[in-house]
């Protein structure tokens, strides 16, 4: 029977997802190394985490990442745009809109070895 290779997972998370994601990973016995990074398109602050994982626990790791840092819907409140010179201060209320947020980019590499020393 062929030996399954261990993996190195690099996950680029939005900064707001970092604490909850790493806490959940640590609670499930995954050790994480953090690298600060920033996105190229929106120049938002990101966090890249490195996780060495045994092949047998890879699916568990991916499920945790999806649950904590995956895409989700969020309700935000926006004030409607007004024409210049129009003032309806008390009559205008914020309008709820649903936006996509979160999401992670995950790279998975095969490892020749995974040693914790």
C-alpha atoms as a PDB file:
ATOM      1  CA  UNK A   1       0.000   0.000   0.000  1.00  0.00           C
ATOM      2  CA  UNK A   2       1.402   3.422  -0.986  1.00  0.00           C
ATOM      3  CA  UNK A   3       2.098   5.875   1.813  1.00  0.00           C
ATOM      4  CA  UNK A   4      -0.084   8.982   1.656  1.00  0.00           C
ATOM      5  CA  UNK A   5       1.900  12.194   1.553  1.00  0.00           C
ATOM      6  CA  UNK A   6       1.378  14.880   4.151  1.00  0.00           C
ATOM      7  CA  UNK A   7       0.418  18.355   3.028  1.00  0.00           C
ATOM      8  CA  UNK A   8       1.338  21.968   3.605  1.00  0.00           C
ATOM      9  CA  UNK A   9      -1.678  24.253   3.406  1.00  0.00           C
ATOM     10  CA  UNK A  10      -1.213  27.980   2.797  1.00  0.00           C
ATOM     11  CA  UNK A  11      -4.482  29.808   3.386  1.00  0.00           C
ATOM     12  CA  UNK A  12      -4.835  33.531   2.693  1.00  0.00           C
ATOM     13  CA  UNK A  13      -7.587  34.841   4.990  1.00  0.00           C
ATOM     14  CA  UNK A  14      -9.181  38.211   5.431  1.00  0.00           C
ATOM     15  CA  UNK A  15      -7.815  39.827   8.574  1.00  0.00           C
ATOM     16  CA  UNK A  16     -11.249  39.837  10.216  1.00  0.00           C
ATOM     17  CA  UNK A  17     -11.446  36.019   9.933  1.00  0.00           C
ATOM     18  CA  UNK A  18      -8.027  35.302  11.438  1.00  0.00           C
ATOM     19  CA  UNK A  19      -8.781  35.084  15.184  1.00  0.00           C
ATOM     20  CA  UNK A  20     -11.823  32.835  14.922  1.00  0.00           C
ATOM     21  CA  UNK A  21     -10.208  30.592  12.331  1.00  0.00           C
ATOM     22  CA  UNK A  22      -6.953  30.068  14.224  1.00  0.00           C
ATOM     23  CA  UNK A  23      -8.777  29.521  17.514  1.00  0.00           C
ATOM     24  CA  UNK A  24     -10.904  26.793  15.911  1.00  0.00           C
ATOM     25  CA  UNK A  25      -7.858  25.185  14.271  1.00  0.00           C
ATOM     26  CA  UNK A  26      -5.910  25.187  17.552  1.00  0.00           C
ATOM     27  CA  UNK A  27      -8.881  23.681  19.411  1.00  0.00           C
ATOM     28  CA  UNK A  28      -8.819  20.798  16.928  1.00  0.00           C
ATOM     29  CA  UNK A  29      -5.076  20.220  17.334  1.00  0.00           C
ATOM     30  CA  UNK A  30      -3.775  22.038  14.258  1.00  0.00           C
ATOM     31  CA  UNK A  31      -0.668  24.190  14.672  1.00  0.00           C
ATOM     32  CA  UNK A  32      -0.582  27.400  12.649  1.00  0.00           C
ATOM     33  CA  UNK A  33       2.165  29.772  11.544  1.00  0.00           C
ATOM     34  CA  UNK A  34       1.053  33.311  10.672  1.00  0.00           C
ATOM     35  CA  UNK A  35       2.473  35.538   7.933  1.00  0.00           C
ATOM     36  CA  UNK A  36       1.202  39.093   7.393  1.00  0.00           C
ATOM     37  CA  UNK A  37       0.327  39.969   3.817  1.00  0.00           C
ATOM     38  CA  UNK A  38      -1.762  42.445   1.851  1.00  0.00           C
ATOM     39  CA  UNK A  39      -4.003  41.968  -1.156  1.00  0.00           C
ATOM     40  CA  UNK A  40      -3.066  43.341  -4.537  1.00  0.00           C
ATOM     41  CA  UNK A  41      -6.476  44.350  -5.908  1.00  0.00           C
ATOM     42  CA  UNK A  42      -8.186  46.029  -2.939  1.00  0.00           C
ATOM     43  CA  UNK A  43      -4.999  46.418  -0.881  1.00  0.00           C
ATOM     44  CA  UNK A  44      -6.824  45.026   2.125  1.00  0.00           C
ATOM     45  CA  UNK A  45      -4.879  43.487   4.957  1.00  0.00           C
ATOM     46  CA  UNK A  46      -4.726  39.715   4.788  1.00  0.00           C
ATOM     47  CA  UNK A  47      -3.209  37.051   6.946  1.00  0.00           C
ATOM     48  CA  UNK A  48      -1.557  34.008   5.393  1.00  0.00           C
ATOM     49  CA  UNK A  49      -1.431  30.940   7.596  1.00  0.00           C
ATOM     50  CA  UNK A  50       0.717  27.863   7.094  1.00  0.00           C
ATOM     51  CA  UNK A  51      -0.540  24.518   8.388  1.00  0.00           C
ATOM     52  CA  UNK A  52       1.297  21.219   8.094  1.00  0.00           C
ATOM     53  CA  UNK A  53      -1.282  18.453   8.122  1.00  0.00           C
ATOM     54  CA  UNK A  54      -1.292  14.680   7.952  1.00  0.00           C
ATOM     55  CA  UNK A  55      -3.175  13.440   4.892  1.00  0.00           C
ATOM     56  CA  UNK A  56      -5.728  11.682   7.101  1.00  0.00           C
ATOM     57  CA  UNK A  57      -6.781  15.050   8.635  1.00  0.00           C
ATOM     58  CA  UNK A  58      -6.767  17.158   5.450  1.00  0.00           C
ATOM     59  CA  UNK A  59     -10.553  17.047   4.932  1.00  0.00           C
ATOM     60  CA  UNK A  60     -11.114  18.062   8.573  1.00  0.00           C
ATOM     61  CA  UNK A  61      -8.777  21.034   8.119  1.00  0.00           C
ATOM     62  CA  UNK A  62     -10.524  22.148   4.930  1.00  0.00           C
ATOM     63  CA  UNK A  63     -13.952  21.885   6.603  1.00  0.00           C
ATOM     64  CA  UNK A  64     -12.752  24.101   9.461  1.00  0.00           C
ATOM     65  CA  UNK A  65     -11.357  26.669   7.015  1.00  0.00           C
ATOM     66  CA  UNK A  66     -14.613  26.733   5.039  1.00  0.00           C
ATOM     67  CA  UNK A  67     -16.673  27.083   8.209  1.00  0.00           C
ATOM     68  CA  UNK A  68     -14.614  29.935   9.674  1.00  0.00           C
ATOM     69  CA  UNK A  69     -13.160  31.796   6.703  1.00  0.00           C
ATOM     70  CA  UNK A  70     -15.343  30.734   3.773  1.00  0.00           C
ATOM     71  CA  UNK A  71     -17.590  32.990   1.723  1.00  0.00           C
ATOM     72  CA  UNK A  72     -20.756  34.095   3.452  1.00  0.00           C
ATOM     73  CA  UNK A  73     -23.538  36.647   3.194  1.00  0.00           C
ATOM     74  CA  UNK A  74     -23.582  39.669   5.494  1.00  0.00           C
ATOM     75  CA  UNK A  75     -26.218  42.358   5.913  1.00  0.00           C
ATOM     76  CA  UNK A  76     -24.896  45.900   5.781  1.00  0.00           C
ATOM     77  CA  UNK A  77     -26.842  49.117   5.997  1.00  0.00           C
ATOM     78  CA  UNK A  78     -26.361  51.791   3.374  1.00  0.00           C
ATOM     79  CA  UNK A  79     -27.789  55.278   3.229  1.00  0.00           C
ATOM     80  CA  UNK A  80     -29.444  55.956  -0.125  1.00  0.00           C
ATOM     81  CA  UNK A  81     -27.611  58.437  -2.336  1.00  0.00           C
ATOM     82  CA  UNK A  82     -29.265  61.844  -2.546  1.00  0.00           C
ATOM     83  CA  UNK A  83     -29.174  64.361  -5.311  1.00  0.00           C
ATOM     84  CA  UNK A  84     -26.963  67.373  -4.580  1.00  0.00           C
ATOM     85  CA  UNK A  85     -28.869  70.045  -2.692  1.00  0.00           C
ATOM     86  CA  UNK A  86     -31.628  67.698  -1.418  1.00  0.00           C
ATOM     87  CA  UNK A  87     -31.811  67.323   2.361  1.00  0.00           C
ATOM     88  CA  UNK A  88     -34.141  64.723   3.878  1.00  0.00           C
ATOM     89  CA  UNK A  89     -32.268  64.155   7.131  1.00  0.00           C
ATOM     90  CA  UNK A  90     -34.941  62.551   9.323  1.00  0.00           C
ATOM     91  CA  UNK A  91     -36.952  60.933   6.544  1.00  0.00           C
ATOM     92  CA  UNK A  92     -34.105  58.825   5.125  1.00  0.00           C
ATOM     93  CA  UNK A  93     -33.155  55.627   6.898  1.00  0.00           C
ATOM     94  CA  UNK A  94     -30.440  53.150   6.148  1.00  0.00           C
ATOM     95  CA  UNK A  95     -31.361  50.415   3.696  1.00  0.00           C
ATOM     96  CA  UNK A  96     -30.283  46.831   4.425  1.00  0.00           C
ATOM     97  CA  UNK A  97     -28.300  45.234   1.593  1.00  0.00           C
ATOM     98  CA  UNK A  98     -26.818  41.768   1.448  1.00  0.00           C
ATOM     99  CA  UNK A  99     -23.170  41.528   0.414  1.00  0.00           C
ATOM    100  CA  UNK A 100     -20.686  38.678  -0.027  1.00  0.00           C
ATOM    101  CA  UNK A 101     -17.855  38.712   2.474  1.00  0.00           C
ATOM    102  CA  UNK A 102     -15.113  36.426   3.669  1.00  0.00           C
ATOM    103  CA  UNK A 103     -13.465  33.823   1.571  1.00  0.00           C
ATOM    104  CA  UNK A 104     -10.009  32.367   1.608  1.00  0.00           C
ATOM    105  CA  UNK A 105      -7.534  31.380  -1.049  1.00  0.00           C
ATOM    106  CA  UNK A 106      -6.037  28.002  -0.186  1.00  0.00           C
ATOM    107  CA  UNK A 107      -2.895  26.461  -1.688  1.00  0.00           C
ATOM    108  CA  UNK A 108      -2.114  22.829  -0.919  1.00  0.00           C
ATOM    109  CA  UNK A 109       1.386  21.413  -1.441  1.00  0.00           C
ATOM    110  CA  UNK A 110       2.574  17.831  -1.071  1.00  0.00           C
ATOM    111  CA  UNK A 111       5.296  17.384   1.557  1.00  0.00           C
ATOM    112  CA  UNK A 112       8.142  14.926   1.547  1.00  0.00           C
ATOM    113  CA  UNK A 113       8.218  15.086   5.314  1.00  0.00           C
ATOM    114  CA  UNK A 114       6.385  16.579   8.257  1.00  0.00           C
ATOM    115  CA  UNK A 115       8.343  16.567  11.490  1.00  0.00           C
ATOM    116  CA  UNK A 116       7.472  18.310  14.744  1.00  0.00           C
ATOM    117  CA  UNK A 117      10.678  18.638  16.746  1.00  0.00           C
END
